[in-house]
Amino acid sequence: MPDTITTESPYTHLISDCDGVLIDSEAVALQALLDLLAPRLADLPEGVTLQGLIEPRLGLRLVPLMRDIYAELGLPPLPEEELLAIAHGVNLRCDEQLSAVPGVAQALAAIGLPKAVASNSVSARVHAALTRTGMVDLFGGRYFTPDLVGHAKPHPGLYLAAAAGFGVPPGQCLVLEDSVTGVTAAVAAGMTVLGFIGGGHIAEGQEARLKAAGAAHVFSDMSKLPALVAQIRG
């Protein structure tokens, strides 16, 4: 049977990104990328900074993120083995410094909707992160990741798969996202997005960028999330 609940609200299920929404890892990933790419990109054009190249792309998978930067700069791409080594280094740094976004576990526990995770990470890393931060039981093993689904954000496939897993139309799902990449994917799937800008990695202007990508609401404090969801659901 579809995983539905009795309610008059059009929103019956909640889907969350992982990195930057549940796990406060994007700031760690940003610094790791800066450290690992700086020696390789020491001579940037005037007015261009490495941080300015990386920040708008947070939310993409690491290898496509780096390829995209090199393409924008008009540089030959790094060899695949070097890209994978950098990505591995970033993931190690994130795992070593893993922590939950403050207040997110309590906020999600207070929201009585079935929940899933849709992440550009791999399922094993999502499960390990949620286990280490005590949030694994909130999602009942409902993880939708590129290694399981075959698509990565900004493609809407992860979110469409999550809705199908619930057995509900995409329009019944609320989504928590922190990146333009993720908001773009969820909006393309036909879902309503709540943009989170309270992570340690958020750059100036992110609220405007998320709204421009289609986020219906933007918030910065996880303690306010249960009330925001209740207000949206009417």
Protein backbone atom coordinates (compact mmCIF):
# COMPACT_ATOMS: atom_id res chain seq x y z
CA MET A 1 0.00 0.00 0.00
CA PRO A 2 1.18 3.60 -0.57
CA ASP A 3 2.84 5.17 2.45
CA THR A 4 0.14 7.79 3.04
CA ILE A 5 -1.31 9.51 6.06
CA THR A 6 -4.77 10.91 6.69
CA THR A 7 -4.68 14.67 6.29
CA GLU A 8 -6.37 17.47 4.40
CA SER A 9 -3.03 19.05 3.61
CA PRO A 10 -1.60 18.56 0.12
CA TYR A 11 1.78 17.87 1.74
CA THR A 12 2.08 14.45 3.32
CA HIS A 13 5.78 13.52 3.09
CA LEU A 14 9.15 15.15 3.73
CA ILE A 15 12.36 14.58 1.76
CA SER A 16 15.69 16.01 2.90
CA ASP A 17 19.07 16.53 1.35
CA CYS A 18 21.89 15.23 3.54
CA ASP A 19 25.08 17.31 3.32
CA GLY A 20 24.42 20.86 4.45
CA VAL A 21 20.92 20.14 5.76
CA LEU A 22 21.28 17.11 8.05
CA ILE A 23 25.06 16.95 8.25
CA ASP A 24 27.03 20.20 8.55
CA SER A 25 29.67 19.04 6.10
CA GLU A 26 29.57 21.55 3.26
CA ALA A 27 31.84 24.06 5.03
CA VAL A 28 34.34 21.23 5.57
CA ALA A 29 34.06 20.21 1.92
CA LEU A 30 34.58 23.79 0.78
CA GLN A 31 37.76 24.17 2.83
CA ALA A 32 39.06 20.78 1.70
CA LEU A 33 38.47 21.69 -1.95
CA LEU A 34 40.23 25.02 -1.43
CA ASP A 35 43.22 23.25 0.12
CA LEU A 36 43.45 20.58 -2.55
CA LEU A 37 42.73 22.70 -5.63
CA ALA A 38 44.71 25.84 -4.69
CA PRO A 39 48.11 24.38 -5.67
CA ARG A 40 46.65 23.27 -9.01
CA LEU A 41 44.90 26.57 -9.74
CA ALA A 42 47.43 29.09 -8.50
CA ASP A 43 47.16 31.46 -11.49
CA LEU A 44 43.50 32.41 -11.75
CA PRO A 45 42.33 35.31 -13.94
CA GLU A 46 42.20 38.71 -12.28
CA GLY A 47 39.07 39.11 -10.17
CA VAL A 48 38.40 35.36 -10.02
CA THR A 49 38.78 33.48 -6.73
CA LEU A 50 38.76 29.76 -6.14
CA GLN A 51 36.17 30.13 -3.40
CA GLY A 52 33.97 32.10 -5.78
CA LEU A 53 34.23 29.26 -8.29
CA ILE A 54 33.42 26.53 -5.77
CA GLU A 55 30.62 28.04 -3.65
CA PRO A 56 27.92 28.26 -6.35
CA ARG A 57 28.62 24.62 -7.25
CA LEU A 58 28.30 23.12 -3.77
CA GLY A 59 25.67 20.41 -3.97
CA LEU A 60 27.09 18.94 -7.16
CA ARG A 61 29.00 15.69 -6.99
CA LEU A 62 32.70 16.42 -6.49
CA VAL A 63 34.08 15.15 -9.80
CA PRO A 64 31.53 17.02 -11.97
CA LEU A 65 32.08 20.10 -9.75
CA MET A 66 35.80 20.11 -10.51
CA ARG A 67 35.30 19.38 -14.20
CA ASP A 68 32.88 22.29 -14.38
CA ILE A 69 35.39 24.67 -12.81
CA TYR A 70 38.15 23.65 -15.21
CA ALA A 71 35.75 24.02 -18.14
CA GLU A 72 34.74 27.52 -17.02
CA LEU A 73 38.40 28.49 -16.81
CA GLY A 74 39.09 27.03 -20.25
CA LEU A 75 41.69 24.63 -18.84
CA PRO A 76 42.30 21.01 -19.84
CA PRO A 77 40.50 18.69 -17.42
CA LEU A 78 42.46 16.93 -14.73
CA PRO A 79 43.07 13.21 -15.29
CA GLU A 80 40.29 11.00 -13.94
CA GLU A 81 42.54 9.36 -11.34
CA GLU A 82 43.54 12.79 -10.00
CA LEU A 83 39.91 13.93 -9.78
CA LEU A 84 39.00 10.75 -7.89
CA ALA A 85 41.94 11.21 -5.52
CA ILE A 86 40.87 14.77 -4.71
CA ALA A 87 37.26 13.67 -4.19
CA HIS A 88 38.46 10.90 -1.87
CA GLY A 89 40.48 13.43 0.13
CA VAL A 90 37.47 15.72 0.48
CA ASN A 91 35.25 12.84 1.62
CA LEU A 92 37.83 11.73 4.19
CA ARG A 93 38.00 15.24 5.62
CA CYS A 94 34.19 15.40 5.82
CA ASP A 95 34.00 12.03 7.56
CA GLU A 96 36.67 13.04 10.09
CA GLN A 97 34.85 16.28 10.98
CA LEU A 98 31.29 14.98 10.71
CA SER A 99 28.62 16.67 12.84
CA ALA A 100 24.86 17.18 12.68
CA VAL A 101 23.39 20.55 11.77
CA PRO A 102 22.43 22.07 15.16
CA GLY A 103 18.84 21.30 16.09
CA VAL A 104 18.00 19.25 13.01
CA ALA A 105 17.34 15.95 14.80
CA GLN A 106 14.93 17.57 17.25
CA ALA A 107 13.20 19.50 14.47
CA LEU A 108 12.67 16.44 12.31
CA ALA A 109 11.47 14.36 15.26
CA ALA A 110 8.79 16.99 15.90
CA ILE A 111 7.45 16.74 12.35
CA GLY A 112 5.08 13.78 12.10
CA LEU A 113 5.51 13.04 8.39
CA PRO A 114 7.18 10.03 6.74
CA LYS A 115 10.71 11.07 5.76
CA ALA A 116 13.36 10.14 3.22
CA VAL A 117 16.83 11.34 2.21
CA ALA A 118 17.73 12.32 -1.35
CA SER A 119 21.47 12.96 -1.57
CA ASN A 120 24.21 13.22 -4.18
CA SER A 121 26.43 11.25 -1.81
CA VAL A 122 26.54 7.44 -1.90
CA SER A 123 24.10 5.43 0.19
CA ALA A 124 26.78 3.91 2.45
CA ARG A 125 28.09 7.37 3.41
CA VAL A 126 24.57 8.67 4.05
CA HIS A 127 23.79 5.70 6.29
CA ALA A 128 27.09 6.01 8.17
CA ALA A 129 26.64 9.76 8.73
CA LEU A 130 23.08 9.40 9.98
CA THR A 131 24.08 6.51 12.24
CA ARG A 132 26.98 8.45 13.78
CA THR A 133 24.77 11.49 14.40
CA GLY A 134 21.84 9.51 15.84
CA MET A 135 19.38 10.32 13.05
CA VAL A 136 19.22 7.01 11.22
CA ASP A 137 15.86 5.97 12.73
CA LEU A 138 14.17 9.14 11.49
CA PHE A 139 14.29 7.93 7.88
CA GLY A 140 13.56 4.20 8.10
CA GLY A 141 16.30 3.36 5.60
CA ARG A 142 14.69 5.47 2.86
CA TYR A 143 17.80 6.70 1.03
CA PHE A 144 17.81 7.78 -2.61
CA THR A 145 21.31 8.31 -3.97
CA PRO A 146 22.99 8.17 -7.40
CA ASP A 147 24.45 4.72 -6.76
CA LEU A 148 20.93 3.41 -6.12
CA VAL A 149 18.87 5.51 -8.55
CA GLY A 150 21.26 6.19 -11.43
CA HIS A 151 20.76 9.96 -11.44
CA ALA A 152 22.38 12.85 -9.58
CA LYS A 153 21.10 16.34 -8.87
CA PRO A 154 20.33 18.68 -10.62
CA HIS A 155 18.49 15.88 -12.48
CA PRO A 156 15.12 15.37 -10.73
CA GLY A 157 15.49 11.58 -10.69
CA LEU A 158 16.44 11.26 -7.01
CA TYR A 159 13.35 13.17 -5.93
CA LEU A 160 11.06 11.37 -8.34
CA ALA A 161 12.39 8.05 -7.03
CA ALA A 162 11.73 9.15 -3.44
CA ALA A 163 8.12 10.05 -4.23
CA ALA A 164 7.67 6.74 -6.06
CA GLY A 165 9.15 4.96 -3.04
CA PHE A 166 6.51 6.58 -0.86
CA GLY A 167 3.82 5.77 -3.41
CA VAL A 168 2.63 9.37 -3.62
CA PRO A 169 2.61 12.07 -6.33
CA PRO A 170 5.65 14.37 -6.23
CA GLY A 171 3.42 17.34 -5.42
CA GLN A 172 2.65 15.88 -1.98
CA CYS A 173 6.32 16.11 -0.94
CA LEU A 174 8.04 18.93 0.92
CA VAL A 175 11.80 19.12 0.38
CA LEU A 176 14.64 20.50 2.51
CA GLU A 177 17.58 21.76 0.44
CA ASP A 178 20.53 24.10 0.89
CA SER A 179 21.97 24.35 -2.63
CA VAL A 180 20.87 25.71 -5.99
CA THR A 181 21.68 22.28 -7.43
CA GLY A 182 19.28 20.56 -5.04
CA VAL A 183 16.52 23.16 -5.29
CA THR A 184 16.68 22.91 -9.08
CA ALA A 185 16.28 19.12 -8.90
CA ALA A 186 13.35 19.19 -6.48
CA VAL A 187 11.50 21.95 -8.34
CA ALA A 188 11.95 20.04 -11.61
CA ALA A 189 10.38 17.04 -9.86
CA GLY A 190 7.31 19.15 -9.04
CA MET A 191 7.95 19.49 -5.31
CA THR A 192 7.76 22.41 -2.87
CA VAL A 193 11.17 23.34 -1.50
CA LEU A 194 12.18 24.86 1.83
CA GLY A 195 15.65 26.35 1.44
CA PHE A 196 17.98 26.13 4.45
CA ILE A 197 20.64 28.82 4.83
CA GLY A 198 21.85 28.09 8.37
CA GLY A 199 24.78 25.82 7.52
CA GLY A 200 28.40 26.77 8.11
CA HIS A 201 29.09 27.01 4.38
CA ILE A 202 26.41 29.49 3.35
CA ALA A 203 27.75 32.42 1.34
CA GLU A 204 26.28 35.91 1.15
CA GLY A 205 23.38 36.07 -1.25
CA GLN A 206 22.40 32.41 -0.90
CA GLU A 207 18.82 33.24 0.11
CA ALA A 208 18.30 35.11 -3.16
CA ARG A 209 19.94 32.32 -5.16
CA LEU A 210 17.72 29.64 -3.62
CA LYS A 211 14.59 31.69 -4.22
CA ALA A 212 15.65 32.34 -7.80
CA ALA A 213 16.06 28.58 -8.25
CA GLY A 214 12.49 28.06 -7.05
CA ALA A 215 12.55 27.65 -3.26
CA ALA A 216 9.13 28.58 -1.89
CA HIS A 217 10.44 29.49 1.57
CA VAL A 218 13.92 30.08 3.00
CA PHE A 219 14.86 29.69 6.68
CA SER A 220 18.04 29.76 8.74
CA ASP A 221 17.13 28.21 12.12
CA MET A 222 16.24 24.53 12.40
CA SER A 223 14.26 25.17 15.59
CA LYS A 224 11.77 27.10 13.44
CA LEU A 225 11.29 24.25 10.94
CA PRO A 226 8.39 22.41 12.67
CA ALA A 227 6.33 25.61 12.85
CA LEU A 228 7.18 26.47 9.24
CA VAL A 229 6.06 23.03 8.04
CA ALA A 230 2.87 23.28 10.11
CA GLN A 231 2.14 26.71 8.61
CA ILE A 232 2.70 25.49 5.05
CA ARG A 233 0.53 22.42 5.59
CA GLY A 234 -2.24 24.64 6.96
